[in-house]
């Protein structure tokens, strides 16, 4: 049955992805909901909530507020919060409620800017897409609002785009990426995980951007058009994820977000050019990053049939997926993806 889930939990929706992008930038983040979406984000979708706090609020919409579209009440609440918190901006994140009543986010932004003396971001998520769609919208909005005038390029300064727990599944990965580039005499700027709004404002001074998730690809293209900053896709810590074994002649399936999956494939094919590697993902697949064999997985049935029919020798996937194909007798490499299982990785 299409859409039936017997093994996987529901994936995080787009509003959770938008919050994940903006979480560390020091703003007031308002989820335009009655409370349920905010509870899910804090309780399940944002692992940083348990070790570092962010000014994350629910708009607390009541039935009649939503039905009548009382945006003025939301603006008044936000204006009051600004007087009590030291915030650098305010962001309004959409949910199914404003989507159903047809909220005009451009008008809401203008209304809020008249009452609140802060930069205002609006992200028109609707709760119907997955987390990466929300991330994509939030990354673009972040740089549209805050990226400043063109600055001189600082050689050896590398921007890392797409760092969120949903995509990287490791809260310490940003620190290790900075160490990785520091060993080469370079400086890594991991936007959204350890590097804040000042670095966003001076984003034009990086020598190049490395895109580590497909959700940040559109933002990288915008920065290239605006500042001429080149970008490439990849994951600097991919060597931590590749299992050391003989891949010659092997059929390999990698189920991950597209950029990390493609980076693992490149490493495997460096070891064995004759390895046949397929990258599949439950999430967005960008055509420009695709190989001919790459796949988008719509539901559990797609994955189960793929494994049963293609006779893979090696599977890289989140450990929670092992039980989906109990008869698989090849090598299963645990490759944790927080967006799939809600578990974080530990460095091997």
Protein backbone atom coordinates (compact mmCIF):
# COMPACT_ATOMS: atom_id res chain seq x y z
CA UNK A 1 0.00 0.00 0.00
CA UNK A 2 1.44 3.34 -1.07
CA UNK A 3 2.34 5.58 1.85
CA UNK A 4 1.92 2.87 4.49
CA UNK A 5 4.70 2.95 7.09
CA UNK A 6 5.50 -0.12 9.13
CA UNK A 7 9.16 0.62 9.87
CA UNK A 8 9.99 4.32 9.47
CA UNK A 9 8.71 7.16 11.60
CA UNK A 10 7.29 10.29 9.90
CA UNK A 11 9.99 12.59 8.56
CA UNK A 12 10.36 16.15 9.81
CA UNK A 13 8.25 18.69 7.87
CA UNK A 14 9.42 21.84 6.14
CA UNK A 15 8.85 24.21 9.07
CA UNK A 16 11.28 22.11 11.14
CA UNK A 17 13.90 22.45 8.41
CA UNK A 18 13.47 26.23 8.32
CA UNK A 19 13.94 26.45 12.08
CA UNK A 20 17.02 24.23 11.88
CA UNK A 21 18.70 26.70 9.50
CA UNK A 22 17.94 29.77 11.63
CA UNK A 23 18.39 28.19 15.06
CA UNK A 24 21.84 29.56 15.97
CA UNK A 25 21.70 33.02 14.39
CA UNK A 26 20.33 34.89 17.41
CA UNK A 27 16.88 35.80 16.17
CA UNK A 28 13.35 35.47 17.49
CA UNK A 29 11.79 32.59 15.58
CA UNK A 30 7.99 32.54 15.56
CA UNK A 31 6.17 29.42 14.40
CA UNK A 32 2.82 30.57 13.01
CA UNK A 33 0.74 27.82 14.67
CA UNK A 34 -1.45 27.00 17.65
CA UNK A 35 1.35 25.25 19.51
CA UNK A 36 1.58 21.70 18.16
CA UNK A 37 4.17 22.34 15.45
CA UNK A 38 6.45 24.15 17.89
CA UNK A 39 6.23 21.27 20.35
CA UNK A 40 7.25 18.79 17.65
CA UNK A 41 10.22 20.93 16.62
CA UNK A 42 11.55 21.31 20.16
CA UNK A 43 10.75 17.79 21.25
CA UNK A 44 11.75 15.76 18.21
CA UNK A 45 13.16 17.64 15.21
CA UNK A 46 15.84 19.90 16.73
CA UNK A 47 18.44 18.00 18.79
CA UNK A 48 20.29 21.20 19.73
CA UNK A 49 17.29 22.20 21.86
CA UNK A 50 18.50 19.85 24.61
CA UNK A 51 21.92 21.47 24.95
CA UNK A 52 21.54 25.07 23.70
CA UNK A 53 18.52 27.32 23.60
CA UNK A 54 17.10 29.57 20.92
CA UNK A 55 14.33 32.16 21.10
CA UNK A 56 11.71 29.90 19.56
CA UNK A 57 8.05 30.77 20.07
CA UNK A 58 4.62 29.62 18.98
CA UNK A 59 2.27 32.30 17.68
CA UNK A 60 -0.42 30.62 19.79
CA UNK A 61 -3.12 31.07 17.16
CA UNK A 62 -6.64 30.39 18.38
CA UNK A 63 -9.41 29.14 16.11
CA UNK A 64 -10.91 32.57 15.45
CA UNK A 65 -7.48 34.16 15.00
CA UNK A 66 -6.80 31.73 12.18
CA UNK A 67 -10.27 31.89 10.64
CA UNK A 68 -10.35 35.71 10.61
CA UNK A 69 -6.68 36.13 9.71
CA UNK A 70 -5.86 38.38 12.65
CA UNK A 71 -2.27 39.09 11.68
CA UNK A 72 -2.26 42.22 13.83
CA UNK A 73 -2.33 40.06 16.97
CA UNK A 74 0.73 38.14 15.82
CA UNK A 75 2.54 41.41 15.08
CA UNK A 76 1.60 42.79 18.51
CA UNK A 77 2.92 39.69 20.28
CA UNK A 78 6.15 39.84 18.32
CA UNK A 79 6.61 43.57 19.05
CA UNK A 80 6.19 42.82 22.76
CA UNK A 81 8.73 39.97 22.64
CA UNK A 82 11.29 42.24 20.97
CA UNK A 83 11.20 44.62 23.95
CA UNK A 84 12.09 41.77 26.31
CA UNK A 85 14.75 39.93 24.32
CA UNK A 86 18.06 40.92 22.77
CA UNK A 87 17.43 39.68 19.24
CA UNK A 88 19.19 40.36 15.94
CA UNK A 89 16.16 39.69 13.75
CA UNK A 90 12.71 38.14 13.79
CA UNK A 91 11.59 35.25 11.59
CA UNK A 92 8.02 34.09 10.95
CA UNK A 93 7.79 30.45 9.87
CA UNK A 94 4.68 29.12 8.13
CA UNK A 95 2.68 25.98 9.02
CA UNK A 96 -0.54 24.41 7.68
CA UNK A 97 -2.63 27.03 9.51
CA UNK A 98 -1.52 30.11 7.52
CA UNK A 99 -1.36 27.94 4.38
CA UNK A 100 -5.05 27.04 4.72
CA UNK A 101 -6.19 30.63 5.22
CA UNK A 102 -3.88 31.97 2.48
CA UNK A 103 -1.64 34.23 4.57
CA UNK A 104 0.16 36.88 2.50
CA UNK A 105 3.72 36.67 3.83
CA UNK A 106 4.90 39.77 1.98
CA UNK A 107 2.12 41.81 3.58
CA UNK A 108 2.83 40.23 6.97
CA UNK A 109 6.49 41.18 6.60
CA UNK A 110 5.61 44.80 5.79
CA UNK A 111 3.17 44.99 8.72
CA UNK A 112 5.78 43.62 11.11
CA UNK A 113 8.56 45.93 9.88
CA UNK A 114 6.36 48.95 10.71
CA UNK A 115 6.02 47.81 14.33
CA UNK A 116 9.32 46.06 14.99
CA UNK A 117 12.71 47.73 14.61
CA UNK A 118 14.49 44.56 13.42
CA UNK A 119 15.11 42.83 10.11
CA UNK A 120 12.16 40.51 9.41
CA UNK A 121 12.38 37.15 7.63
CA UNK A 122 9.34 35.22 6.48
CA UNK A 123 9.52 31.62 5.29
CA UNK A 124 6.35 30.39 3.56
CA UNK A 125 6.50 26.76 4.62
CA UNK A 126 3.17 24.94 4.77
CA UNK A 127 3.86 21.69 6.62
CA UNK A 128 3.13 19.63 3.52
CA UNK A 129 6.74 19.25 2.35
CA UNK A 130 9.73 17.59 4.01
CA UNK A 131 12.41 19.30 6.07
CA UNK A 132 14.79 19.95 3.17
CA UNK A 133 12.26 22.12 1.31
CA UNK A 134 11.99 24.33 4.39
CA UNK A 135 15.77 24.48 4.68
CA UNK A 136 16.07 25.50 1.04
CA UNK A 137 13.64 28.40 1.53
CA UNK A 138 15.28 29.50 4.79
CA UNK A 139 18.85 29.48 3.39
CA UNK A 140 17.78 31.67 0.47
CA UNK A 141 15.83 34.08 2.68
CA UNK A 142 18.73 34.32 5.14
CA UNK A 143 21.24 35.42 2.50
CA UNK A 144 18.74 37.63 0.66
CA UNK A 145 18.13 39.62 3.84
CA UNK A 146 21.58 39.67 5.45
CA UNK A 147 24.31 39.21 2.84
CA UNK A 148 26.07 42.58 2.63
CA UNK A 149 28.05 44.47 0.03
CA UNK A 150 30.76 42.73 -1.93
CA UNK A 151 33.98 42.41 0.10
CA UNK A 152 37.50 41.47 -0.88
CA UNK A 153 38.02 37.72 -0.98
CA UNK A 154 40.14 36.29 1.85
CA UNK A 155 42.24 33.46 0.46
CA UNK A 156 41.90 30.26 2.44
CA UNK A 157 38.50 31.22 3.86
CA UNK A 158 36.02 28.48 2.94
CA UNK A 159 32.25 28.70 3.39
CA UNK A 160 30.38 25.53 4.36
CA UNK A 161 26.72 25.72 3.31
CA UNK A 162 24.00 23.32 4.43
CA UNK A 163 25.18 22.45 7.93
CA UNK A 164 22.14 21.39 9.97
CA UNK A 165 21.65 18.41 12.30
CA UNK A 166 18.97 17.04 9.98
CA UNK A 167 21.47 16.76 7.14
CA UNK A 168 24.78 16.09 8.91
CA UNK A 169 23.43 14.02 11.84
CA UNK A 170 26.40 15.00 14.02
CA UNK A 171 26.49 17.99 16.39
CA UNK A 172 30.30 17.90 16.53
CA UNK A 173 30.88 17.70 12.77
CA UNK A 174 31.28 21.47 12.34
CA UNK A 175 34.13 21.54 14.86
CA UNK A 176 35.90 18.69 13.07
CA UNK A 177 35.44 20.43 9.71
CA UNK A 178 37.08 23.56 11.12
CA UNK A 179 39.95 21.43 12.43
CA UNK A 180 40.22 19.67 9.07
CA UNK A 181 40.72 22.95 7.19
CA UNK A 182 42.85 24.50 9.93
CA UNK A 183 45.34 21.66 9.39
CA UNK A 184 45.64 22.91 5.80
CA UNK A 185 46.12 26.51 6.93
CA UNK A 186 42.57 27.48 5.97
CA UNK A 187 39.52 28.77 7.82
CA UNK A 188 36.18 26.99 7.51
CA UNK A 189 33.02 29.04 8.10
CA UNK A 190 30.20 26.63 8.96
CA UNK A 191 27.13 28.82 8.56
CA UNK A 192 24.47 27.95 11.12
CA UNK A 193 26.64 25.63 13.24
CA UNK A 194 29.11 27.72 15.18
CA UNK A 195 29.35 30.67 12.78
CA UNK A 196 26.76 33.38 13.25
CA UNK A 197 25.09 36.32 11.59
CA UNK A 198 28.24 38.42 11.22
CA UNK A 199 29.69 35.70 9.00
CA UNK A 200 26.49 35.67 6.94
CA UNK A 201 26.79 39.43 6.42
CA UNK A 202 30.36 39.03 5.15
CA UNK A 203 29.65 35.87 3.13
CA UNK A 204 31.13 37.47 0.00
CA UNK A 205 34.67 37.32 1.41
CA UNK A 206 34.97 33.53 1.23
CA UNK A 207 37.20 32.03 -1.44
CA UNK A 208 34.62 29.37 -2.30
CA UNK A 209 31.58 27.64 -0.83
CA UNK A 210 31.30 23.91 -0.21
CA UNK A 211 27.69 22.72 -0.30
CA UNK A 212 27.15 19.75 2.03
CA UNK A 213 23.41 19.27 1.47
CA UNK A 214 21.14 19.65 -1.56
CA UNK A 215 18.94 22.06 0.41
CA UNK A 216 21.71 24.70 0.27
CA UNK A 217 22.39 24.37 -3.46
CA UNK A 218 20.04 27.19 -4.49
CA UNK A 219 21.62 29.51 -1.91
CA UNK A 220 25.07 28.70 -3.32
CA UNK A 221 23.85 29.54 -6.82
CA UNK A 222 22.45 32.85 -5.55
CA UNK A 223 25.80 33.72 -3.94
CA UNK A 224 27.61 32.83 -7.15
CA UNK A 225 25.30 35.08 -9.21
CA UNK A 226 25.52 37.93 -6.70
CA UNK A 227 29.18 37.88 -5.68
CA UNK A 228 30.84 35.54 -8.16
CA UNK A 229 31.70 33.08 -5.38
CA UNK A 230 32.34 29.62 -6.86
CA UNK A 231 30.89 26.57 -5.17
CA UNK A 232 31.34 22.82 -5.17
CA UNK A 233 29.40 20.00 -3.57
CA UNK A 234 30.87 17.47 -1.18
CA UNK A 235 31.40 16.54 2.43
CA UNK A 236 34.83 17.28 3.96
CA UNK A 237 34.49 14.47 6.52
CA UNK A 238 33.39 11.79 4.09
CA UNK A 239 36.39 9.59 4.97
CA UNK A 240 34.77 9.04 8.41
CA UNK A 241 31.76 7.45 6.71
CA UNK A 242 33.41 5.06 4.24
CA UNK A 243 33.88 1.51 5.47
CA UNK A 244 37.30 0.00 4.72
CA UNK A 245 36.73 -3.09 2.58
CA UNK A 246 37.30 -4.48 -0.92
CA UNK A 247 34.75 -2.86 -3.25
CA UNK A 248 36.01 -4.33 -6.53
CA UNK A 249 33.10 -5.61 -8.60
CA UNK A 250 30.63 -4.91 -5.80
CA UNK A 251 27.11 -3.51 -6.19
CA UNK A 252 26.61 -0.79 -3.58
CA UNK A 253 23.47 1.08 -2.52
CA UNK A 254 23.78 4.31 -0.53
CA UNK A 255 20.64 5.76 1.09
CA UNK A 256 21.42 9.22 2.40
CA UNK A 257 20.84 12.87 1.58
CA UNK A 258 22.11 13.37 -1.95
CA UNK A 259 25.35 15.28 -1.36
CA UNK A 260 26.72 12.98 1.34
CA UNK A 261 25.57 9.95 -0.66
CA UNK A 262 27.39 11.20 -3.75
CA UNK A 263 30.51 11.95 -1.68
CA UNK A 264 30.54 8.38 -0.34
CA UNK A 265 30.18 7.08 -3.90
CA UNK A 266 33.18 9.12 -5.06
CA UNK A 267 35.32 7.71 -2.26
CA UNK A 268 34.27 4.14 -3.03
CA UNK A 269 35.03 4.58 -6.72
CA UNK A 270 38.47 5.94 -5.88
CA UNK A 271 39.11 2.59 -4.19
CA UNK A 272 37.46 0.52 -6.93
CA UNK A 273 36.57 2.01 -10.31
CA UNK A 274 34.58 -1.09 -11.22
CA UNK A 275 32.21 -0.75 -8.24
CA UNK A 276 28.61 -0.11 -9.29
CA UNK A 277 27.23 2.46 -6.87
CA UNK A 278 23.66 3.76 -6.66
CA UNK A 279 22.67 6.73 -4.49
CA UNK A 280 19.05 6.83 -3.32
CA UNK A 281 17.32 9.29 -1.02
CA UNK A 282 14.00 9.80 0.73
CA UNK A 283 14.52 13.52 0.21
CA UNK A 284 15.21 15.98 -2.60
CA UNK A 285 17.22 14.84 -5.60
CA UNK A 286 18.88 17.61 -7.62
CA UNK A 287 19.23 16.68 -11.33
CA UNK A 288 22.66 18.34 -11.62
CA UNK A 289 24.04 16.06 -8.88
CA UNK A 290 22.54 12.85 -10.29
CA UNK A 291 24.17 9.84 -11.82
CA UNK A 292 22.12 7.73 -14.23
CA UNK A 293 21.38 5.11 -11.59
CA UNK A 294 20.34 7.47 -8.77
CA UNK A 295 16.85 7.11 -7.33
CA UNK A 296 14.27 8.94 -5.28
CA UNK A 297 12.54 6.71 -2.73
CA UNK A 298 8.90 7.58 -2.29
CA UNK A 299 7.96 5.10 0.42
CA UNK A 300 9.06 1.93 2.19
CA UNK A 301 7.85 -0.31 -0.62
CA UNK A 302 10.27 1.35 -3.06
CA UNK A 303 13.25 0.56 -0.84
CA UNK A 304 12.19 -3.01 -0.06
CA UNK A 305 11.64 -3.87 -3.74
CA UNK A 306 14.92 -2.21 -4.71
CA UNK A 307 16.94 -4.33 -2.27
CA UNK A 308 15.06 -7.52 -3.10
CA UNK A 309 15.42 -7.12 -6.88
CA UNK A 310 18.89 -5.61 -7.38
CA UNK A 311 21.02 -8.02 -5.29
CA UNK A 312 23.33 -5.45 -3.69
CA UNK A 313 26.51 -6.59 -1.98
CA UNK A 314 26.78 -3.54 0.29
CA UNK A 315 24.18 -1.12 1.65
CA UNK A 316 24.99 2.18 3.34
CA UNK A 317 21.89 3.35 5.23
CA UNK A 318 20.55 4.35 8.61
CA UNK A 319 20.55 1.35 11.01
CA UNK A 320 16.79 1.69 11.52
CA UNK A 321 16.37 0.43 7.95
CA UNK A 322 18.00 -2.98 8.60
CA UNK A 323 14.75 -4.54 9.70
CA UNK A 324 13.03 -3.51 6.47
CA UNK A 325 14.94 -6.19 4.54
CA UNK A 326 15.73 -9.02 7.00
CA UNK A 327 16.74 -11.40 4.20
CA UNK A 328 19.54 -9.13 2.94
CA UNK A 329 22.74 -11.16 3.44
CA UNK A 330 25.33 -8.62 2.28
CA UNK A 331 27.23 -6.03 4.29
CA UNK A 332 25.11 -3.31 5.91
CA UNK A 333 27.13 -0.22 6.86
CA UNK A 334 25.49 1.92 9.55
CA UNK A 335 25.27 5.44 8.11
CA UNK A 336 23.08 7.40 10.49
CA UNK A 337 20.78 10.03 9.04
CA UNK A 338 19.00 12.06 11.73
CA UNK A 339 16.22 13.02 9.32
CA UNK A 340 15.33 9.32 8.94
CA UNK A 341 15.74 7.88 12.43
CA UNK A 342 15.98 10.82 14.82
CA UNK A 343 19.36 9.49 16.05
CA UNK A 344 22.65 11.35 16.00
CA UNK A 345 25.91 9.84 14.83
CA UNK A 346 29.00 9.27 16.91
CA UNK A 347 32.39 9.53 15.21
CA UNK A 348 33.93 6.12 14.59
